[in-house]
């Protein structure tokens, strides 16, 4: 009788069911999260618990400024003044961040002739959103922008309105625009105070970038004064509203100023993204281009010794540098970003570098190292190699193109540079191995290949370059010979 047909005793069946239920209900082993201080070298040392040990940066405090795009000023539909554009919403404060942050900078509204302009675009970061300013009116009241409930500064009303003000922003991001009777269009709402009459609302002067800049000022209203005058544009990266045009339907309303996102923190640069500067010991990132970009982890350092039986996993977008004497016995996995081993990892296990991730450094790795076909080797210094005690292996497809951090045009020619010091002499899957498999590099007619031995890199001139050089030398020799004969 086949085993599948042998009847199971009830007691055995019940025990089997209980065992299956217990196994199914056992929790999967969760990764251990280790907090790193991005502003120090983490020299205190640590012990890796059994299983995967990943890193986090929660609790890293930053100051922020988020300013939305300003609204455009109106273009008159007749002989009258149009309303100024509302200022973009403004949010400022401090928060704790970790991981990759999405940054969005809103565009300023576009001014046109003979019509209302357009609202400014929203800016956002850290789950916070500053809302775009409203457009200025053309022949009637200006309207708030950014949605019915939450708006930046409201647009100003156009010439001839009897109302005193437009709706204010309901989240504190912008104040009301003004309307004005008679010959003047109303000013757009600002972040600091509501607009009054012709003038735009007052903005806010802040020094988060290191110098005083006024953000989120409402655009001024236009006039009816017999002079067709376009509205003034709001300055870029201020969120200022555009001015209303004056006196004729051929005059264009001013464009709103684009928004900005600023991030500031104490100490040296540890994040990447935007335009980076320093001020009074702080690092400042300014995101100036409209659209979406990222604020990434830039670098973290562990100079303390790492021990334990667990596995080390680096899965962040930035660079982790290991500078201590490490003896953890688990594996090391580089899932993303870059791992630089500058210390002594001679007591550690195998290292695996995933596709798109990078390994480099000038220290020692005790275990084997495997590079995926689309992984990278970060050449930190051509004169200091990474030493590997175990086997170095490459998945098919890894070659010269997988090297990063080299200025090919400045590398000395015909000089072997040891990238990875190892006792191996054979690398079966490595591309561009030996002279006949060299590949072009740089912009000066050069080729590179891996030389047998301890994984050495050699850069040589292309044959066409040598031929041209030879022809030039021969021509010069003939000319010199003719001069001597004459």
Foldseek 3Di string as FASTA:
>chain_A
DDPVPDDDDPVVVVVVVVVVVVVVPDDDDDEAEDEFDQQDQQAPEEEHEAEEYEYKHWPAKKKKKWWWWWEWEAAALAFAKWWWTFFWFIDIDMDTDIAKKKWFWWAWWDKFFNFWIQWICWTDIPPDITATIWTIGHAFATAFDRDDQAGAWTIWTIEADPDAWYCQGPPLRWGIWGQDYDFKTIWIIFSPAYGGRQAWHFFDWDCLVPDTDTAGTTAGMEGNDPDFEAWAAAAAQRRYITYITHGGRRHIIYIIHIHKMKIKDAADDQKDDADWDDHPRMIMHIHRDGGMDMIFGAEHHHAHEYAYAYEYEYDGAYEYEYAYAYQHAHEYEDNHYEYEYAHHQLNYEEYEYDAHYEYAYQYEHNYEYEYELRAAYEQPDLAGAYEYNYHYAYDANAEPVRYDDDQLVPDDAPDWGQHYAYQDQDHPRYAQADDVRWDDDHDPQKTWGFYGGRGIIHIHHHPVVVVVVVVVVVVVVVVVVVVVVD
